[in-house]
Amino acid sequence: MELHKLHYLEVVKRALAEDIGSGDVTTNSIIPPEATTNGYIYAKENGIVAGLPVAALVFETLDPRIVFTPQKQDGDRVEPGDVLAQLEGPARSILTGERVALNLLQRLSGIATKTAALVENLTYYNTAVVDTRKTTPGLRVLEKYAVRVGGGQNHRFGLYDAVLIKDNHIKVAGGIKKAIALARKNVPHTMKIEVEVEDLKGVQEALEAKADVIMLDNMDLETMREAVKMVNGQALVEASGGITEDRLLEIAKIGVDLVSMGGLTHSVKALDISLDVGEIKINTPHDNLQGD
């Protein structure tokens, strides 16, 4: 679950630039530049926290004088009132960075929380919950990280790291077998080939072409059950399309290896998290004088 700051530094910079623009006119007109404060970020509902290193980088990027001290770790379960992190430093900078830090932290924690709930439902089944490319533009690396924090697995990251032959590819290529043959000819031998099928005929063609992963797209439970029997361990089986929380357990019982769910990232509810600051202190030159 490790996430290096180089993976998301540009995301943080863009988010800060978008929010701050030419300056935080509210904070800068009310808070003296020499003022300092402390504050704490805390949960307001139950969930799984994800994104604390991201929130820390927001404040570090904005003002290195801010001391950000985590009180929880990504992956921890939290309850209302739990303190996630403490902050201390220039009051202007803490208030200016508040919204960007919370936006990212709330969204990532919401994804981790939703993923964890789904994964927990499948505790007794050998079916993994995986994400899709239906992510917020520019936030994919963070949202897929949050899925892992919640106990899920990542599907391909982008168009470049795995072959996924979908209906339009099949149509253009002239069939499932032709599409798989072309892909196998033109990609590295180390790259897995997955193909999307809509019926049992497609499953048979995918097996004959020796696909590594067969995606059962929008199949009803009975057809899916027959498909799993046909595959019989010859390839990984992924269920996708219209997968809801209500259907998840029934699908896992059928014996698919993977269930991909765009809803993990494209329509998740943010976890309710807030930041409160303490007393504002005004440091004057007199405060720094040393007595005899």
Protein backbone atom coordinates (compact mmCIF):
# COMPACT_ATOMS: atom_id res chain seq x y z
CA MET A 1 0.00 0.00 0.00
CA GLU A 2 3.05 2.27 -0.14
CA LEU A 3 2.55 5.50 -2.06
CA HIS A 4 5.55 7.67 -2.95
CA LYS A 5 5.01 11.42 -2.88
CA LEU A 6 6.42 11.75 -6.40
CA HIS A 7 3.30 9.91 -7.60
CA TYR A 8 0.98 12.66 -6.42
CA LEU A 9 3.04 15.81 -5.88
CA GLU A 10 1.75 17.34 -9.12
CA VAL A 11 -1.83 16.51 -8.09
CA VAL A 12 -1.33 18.43 -4.86
CA LYS A 13 0.30 21.38 -6.62
CA ARG A 14 -2.52 21.63 -9.15
CA ALA A 15 -5.18 21.40 -6.45
CA LEU A 16 -3.54 24.16 -4.42
CA ALA A 17 -3.09 26.41 -7.47
CA GLU A 18 -6.73 25.88 -8.42
CA ASP A 19 -8.00 26.81 -4.95
CA ILE A 20 -5.63 29.62 -3.98
CA GLY A 21 -5.29 31.44 -7.29
CA SER A 22 -3.81 34.85 -6.56
CA GLY A 23 -4.22 34.44 -2.80
CA ASP A 24 -6.59 33.55 0.04
CA VAL A 25 -8.30 36.93 0.34
CA THR A 26 -10.41 35.93 3.34
CA THR A 27 -7.63 34.54 5.49
CA ASN A 28 -5.09 37.17 4.46
CA SER A 29 -7.46 40.02 5.29
CA ILE A 30 -8.29 38.68 8.75
CA ILE A 31 -5.25 36.78 10.07
CA PRO A 32 -1.95 38.63 10.67
CA PRO A 33 1.02 37.13 8.81
CA GLU A 34 2.91 36.51 12.06
CA ALA A 35 0.06 34.57 13.71
CA THR A 36 0.50 30.90 14.59
CA THR A 37 -1.94 28.24 15.71
CA ASN A 38 -2.44 24.56 16.22
CA GLY A 39 -5.23 22.38 14.97
CA TYR A 40 -6.44 18.86 14.55
CA ILE A 41 -8.10 16.84 11.83
CA TYR A 42 -10.78 14.50 13.12
CA ALA A 43 -13.35 12.00 11.87
CA LYS A 44 -17.06 12.73 12.15
CA GLU A 45 -18.29 9.25 11.16
CA ASN A 46 -17.13 5.64 11.14
CA GLY A 47 -14.84 4.60 8.34
CA ILE A 48 -11.40 3.66 7.07
CA VAL A 49 -8.89 6.48 6.80
CA ALA A 50 -6.84 6.86 3.61
CA GLY A 51 -4.78 9.77 2.36
CA LEU A 52 -3.01 11.07 5.45
CA PRO A 53 0.34 11.29 3.58
CA VAL A 54 -1.47 13.24 0.87
CA ALA A 55 -2.94 15.70 3.37
CA ALA A 56 0.50 16.06 4.94
CA LEU A 57 2.02 16.89 1.55
CA VAL A 58 -0.61 19.58 0.96
CA PHE A 59 0.56 21.48 4.03
CA GLU A 60 4.24 20.70 3.42
CA THR A 61 3.99 22.03 -0.12
CA LEU A 62 2.12 25.14 0.95
CA ASP A 63 4.35 25.99 3.89
CA PRO A 64 7.24 23.81 5.16
CA ARG A 65 6.94 25.49 8.57
CA ILE A 66 3.71 23.57 9.27
CA VAL A 67 4.30 20.52 11.49
CA PHE A 68 1.88 17.73 10.52
CA THR A 69 1.80 14.86 13.04
CA PRO A 70 -0.38 11.86 12.12
CA GLN A 71 -2.29 10.21 14.95
CA LYS A 72 -3.60 7.39 12.74
CA GLN A 73 -2.29 5.43 9.81
CA ASP A 74 -3.91 4.78 6.45
CA GLY A 75 -6.03 1.66 6.78
CA ASP A 76 -7.03 2.34 10.39
CA ARG A 77 -10.70 2.16 11.35
CA VAL A 78 -11.90 5.41 12.88
CA GLU A 79 -14.94 6.55 14.82
CA PRO A 80 -16.53 9.97 15.29
CA GLY A 81 -14.20 12.17 17.31
CA ASP A 82 -11.03 10.23 16.54
CA VAL A 83 -8.12 12.58 15.84
CA LEU A 84 -6.38 11.70 12.58
CA ALA A 85 -3.61 14.29 12.70
CA GLN A 86 -2.39 17.33 14.60
CA LEU A 87 -1.01 20.49 13.01
CA GLU A 88 1.04 23.39 14.28
CA GLY A 89 2.43 26.40 12.44
CA PRO A 90 1.53 29.63 10.65
CA ALA A 91 -2.21 30.21 10.98
CA ARG A 92 -2.61 31.64 7.50
CA SER A 93 -1.05 28.61 5.85
CA ILE A 94 -3.05 26.08 7.87
CA LEU A 95 -6.35 27.81 7.01
CA THR A 96 -5.40 28.23 3.36
CA GLY A 97 -4.51 24.55 2.95
CA GLU A 98 -7.49 23.23 4.89
CA ARG A 99 -9.95 22.64 2.04
CA VAL A 100 -7.56 20.98 -0.40
CA ALA A 101 -6.24 18.66 2.32
CA LEU A 102 -9.74 17.73 3.47
CA ASN A 103 -11.09 17.28 -0.06
CA LEU A 104 -8.42 14.69 -0.85
CA LEU A 105 -8.53 13.02 2.55
CA GLN A 106 -12.33 12.77 2.58
CA ARG A 107 -12.56 11.33 -0.93
CA LEU A 108 -9.80 8.76 -0.46
CA SER A 109 -11.18 7.71 2.91
CA GLY A 110 -14.63 7.34 1.35
CA ILE A 111 -13.22 5.01 -1.31
CA ALA A 112 -11.31 2.97 1.28
CA THR A 113 -14.39 2.74 3.49
CA LYS A 114 -16.66 1.54 0.69
CA THR A 115 -14.08 -0.95 -0.55
CA ALA A 116 -13.51 -2.36 2.93
CA ALA A 117 -17.24 -2.94 3.43
CA LEU A 118 -17.50 -4.87 0.17
CA VAL A 119 -14.35 -6.89 0.83
CA GLU A 120 -15.61 -7.79 4.30
CA ASN A 121 -18.79 -9.23 2.74
CA LEU A 122 -16.62 -11.66 0.77
CA THR A 123 -14.52 -12.86 3.72
CA TYR A 124 -15.43 -16.52 3.16
CA TYR A 125 -15.08 -16.51 -0.63
CA ASN A 126 -12.06 -16.54 -2.92
CA THR A 127 -13.32 -13.59 -4.92
CA ALA A 128 -11.37 -10.33 -5.07
CA VAL A 129 -12.96 -6.90 -5.42
CA VAL A 130 -11.13 -4.83 -8.03
CA ASP A 131 -11.44 -1.29 -9.34
CA THR A 132 -11.72 0.03 -12.91
CA ARG A 133 -10.51 3.01 -14.95
CA LYS A 134 -13.69 4.91 -14.00
CA THR A 135 -11.73 7.30 -11.83
CA THR A 136 -11.68 11.06 -11.38
CA PRO A 137 -9.41 12.51 -14.11
CA GLY A 138 -6.05 13.34 -12.57
CA LEU A 139 -6.70 11.41 -9.35
CA ARG A 140 -6.34 7.83 -10.57
CA VAL A 141 -3.11 7.05 -8.71
CA LEU A 142 -4.66 8.22 -5.44
CA GLU A 143 -8.05 6.60 -5.92
CA LYS A 144 -6.54 3.24 -6.84
CA TYR A 145 -4.28 3.56 -3.80
CA ALA A 146 -7.38 4.10 -1.64
CA VAL A 147 -8.92 0.92 -3.04
CA ARG A 148 -5.84 -1.02 -1.89
CA VAL A 149 -6.02 0.63 1.53
CA GLY A 150 -9.58 -0.69 1.77
CA GLY A 151 -8.46 -4.23 0.99
CA GLY A 152 -9.41 -4.29 -2.69
CA GLN A 153 -7.16 -4.96 -5.66
CA ASN A 154 -6.28 -2.87 -8.68
CA HIS A 155 -7.26 -3.69 -12.24
CA ARG A 156 -5.01 -2.29 -14.97
CA PHE A 157 -3.83 1.21 -14.20
CA GLY A 158 -4.22 2.54 -17.73
CA LEU A 159 -4.29 1.58 -21.37
CA TYR A 160 -0.61 0.70 -21.38
CA ASP A 161 -0.10 -1.99 -18.74
CA ALA A 162 -2.52 -4.76 -19.76
CA VAL A 163 -4.58 -5.88 -22.75
CA LEU A 164 -8.35 -5.67 -22.30
CA ILE A 165 -10.20 -6.51 -25.50
CA LYS A 166 -13.72 -5.03 -25.37
CA ASP A 167 -16.72 -5.21 -27.68
CA ASN A 168 -15.58 -2.47 -30.05
CA HIS A 169 -12.12 -4.04 -30.40
CA ILE A 170 -13.78 -7.36 -31.22
CA LYS A 171 -16.05 -5.73 -33.79
CA VAL A 172 -13.17 -3.99 -35.56
CA ALA A 173 -10.90 -7.05 -35.47
CA GLY A 174 -13.57 -9.37 -36.82
CA GLY A 175 -14.13 -11.61 -33.84
CA ILE A 176 -12.78 -12.69 -30.46
CA LYS A 177 -10.21 -15.16 -31.81
CA LYS A 178 -8.83 -12.66 -34.32
CA ALA A 179 -8.61 -9.92 -31.70
CA ILE A 180 -6.74 -12.15 -29.26
CA ALA A 181 -4.38 -13.39 -31.99
CA LEU A 182 -3.53 -9.82 -33.03
CA ALA A 183 -2.94 -8.76 -29.44
CA ARG A 184 -0.72 -11.74 -28.72
CA LYS A 185 1.33 -10.99 -31.84
CA ASN A 186 1.89 -7.35 -30.96
CA VAL A 187 2.35 -7.14 -27.18
CA PRO A 188 5.15 -8.47 -24.95
CA HIS A 189 4.86 -12.11 -23.94
CA THR A 190 4.84 -11.01 -20.30
CA MET A 191 1.57 -9.10 -20.70
CA LYS A 192 -1.70 -10.82 -19.87
CA ILE A 193 -4.58 -10.73 -22.32
CA GLU A 194 -8.12 -10.25 -21.07
CA VAL A 195 -11.21 -10.35 -23.25
CA GLU A 196 -14.75 -9.19 -22.57
CA VAL A 197 -17.52 -11.64 -23.51
CA GLU A 198 -21.29 -11.29 -23.41
CA ASP A 199 -22.49 -14.88 -23.83
CA LEU A 200 -21.41 -18.51 -23.60
CA LYS A 201 -20.38 -18.59 -27.25
CA GLY A 202 -17.93 -15.80 -26.45
CA VAL A 203 -16.63 -17.76 -23.47
CA GLN A 204 -15.92 -20.76 -25.71
CA GLU A 205 -14.10 -18.62 -28.28
CA ALA A 206 -12.02 -16.99 -25.56
CA LEU A 207 -11.04 -20.40 -24.18
CA GLU A 208 -10.07 -21.68 -27.62
CA ALA A 209 -7.90 -18.59 -28.12
CA LYS A 210 -6.33 -19.16 -24.69
CA ALA A 211 -7.19 -15.80 -23.11
CA ASP A 212 -5.58 -15.29 -19.71
CA VAL A 213 -8.63 -13.57 -18.21
CA ILE A 214 -12.24 -13.78 -19.35
CA MET A 215 -14.53 -10.93 -18.35
CA LEU A 216 -18.20 -11.84 -18.09
CA ASP A 217 -19.92 -8.61 -19.05
CA ASN A 218 -23.45 -7.93 -17.74
CA MET A 219 -24.36 -11.60 -17.50
CA ASP A 220 -27.26 -12.87 -15.45
CA LEU A 221 -26.42 -15.25 -12.61
CA GLU A 222 -27.42 -18.44 -14.41
CA THR A 223 -25.34 -17.67 -17.50
CA MET A 224 -22.45 -16.65 -15.28
CA ARG A 225 -22.69 -19.96 -13.43
CA GLU A 226 -22.49 -21.90 -16.71
CA ALA A 227 -19.56 -19.76 -17.84
CA VAL A 228 -17.57 -20.56 -14.70
CA LYS A 229 -18.20 -24.28 -15.26
CA MET A 230 -16.99 -23.98 -18.86
CA VAL A 231 -13.81 -22.17 -17.90
CA ASN A 232 -13.07 -24.67 -15.12
CA GLY A 233 -9.81 -23.03 -14.09
CA GLN A 234 -8.41 -22.58 -17.61
CA ALA A 235 -8.40 -18.80 -17.16
CA LEU A 236 -9.21 -16.24 -14.50
CA VAL A 237 -12.87 -15.25 -14.53
CA GLU A 238 -13.95 -11.67 -13.89
CA ALA A 239 -17.53 -10.49 -13.46
CA SER A 240 -18.22 -6.92 -14.53
CA GLY A 241 -21.03 -4.58 -15.50
CA GLY A 242 -23.93 -3.57 -13.29
CA ILE A 243 -22.39 -5.15 -10.18
CA THR A 244 -24.22 -3.83 -7.14
CA GLU A 245 -23.61 -4.52 -3.47
CA ASP A 246 -26.82 -6.58 -3.40
CA ARG A 247 -25.59 -8.88 -6.19
CA LEU A 248 -22.00 -9.15 -4.99
CA LEU A 249 -22.45 -12.07 -2.60
CA GLU A 250 -24.47 -14.10 -5.10
CA ILE A 251 -21.81 -13.57 -7.73
CA ALA A 252 -19.04 -14.62 -5.33
CA LYS A 253 -20.93 -17.82 -4.56
CA ILE A 254 -20.77 -18.73 -8.25
CA GLY A 255 -16.98 -18.89 -8.01
CA VAL A 256 -15.65 -16.02 -10.12
CA ASP A 257 -12.10 -14.93 -9.29
CA LEU A 258 -12.62 -11.18 -9.63
CA VAL A 259 -15.47 -8.70 -9.45
CA SER A 260 -14.72 -5.29 -10.96
CA MET A 261 -16.81 -2.35 -9.76
CA GLY A 262 -16.62 1.14 -11.20
CA GLY A 263 -18.69 2.37 -8.27
CA LEU A 264 -15.69 2.02 -5.98
CA THR A 265 -14.34 5.25 -7.43
CA HIS A 266 -16.82 7.00 -9.74
CA SER A 267 -19.69 7.60 -7.31
CA VAL A 268 -18.31 7.16 -3.82
CA LYS A 269 -19.52 9.13 -0.79
CA ALA A 270 -16.78 11.13 0.91
CA LEU A 271 -16.06 10.32 4.54
CA ASP A 272 -17.01 13.22 6.83
CA ILE A 273 -13.76 14.69 8.19
CA SER A 274 -13.09 18.17 9.63
CA LEU A 275 -10.26 20.41 10.74
CA ASP A 276 -10.53 22.68 13.78
CA VAL A 277 -7.91 25.21 14.84
CA GLY A 278 -7.11 26.32 18.37
CA GLU A 279 -6.07 29.66 19.78
CA ILE A 280 -4.48 32.14 17.39
CA LYS A 281 -1.17 33.43 18.77
CA ILE A 282 0.43 36.64 17.58
CA ASN A 283 4.21 36.49 17.70
CA THR A 284 5.87 39.89 18.03
CA PRO A 285 9.54 40.79 17.92
CA HIS A 286 9.37 41.29 21.71
CA ASP A 287 8.51 37.59 22.11
CA ASN A 288 11.87 36.65 20.63
CA LEU A 289 14.01 38.85 22.91
CA GLN A 290 16.18 37.04 25.40
CA GLY A 291 16.35 38.38 28.96
CA ASP A 292 19.60 39.06 30.84
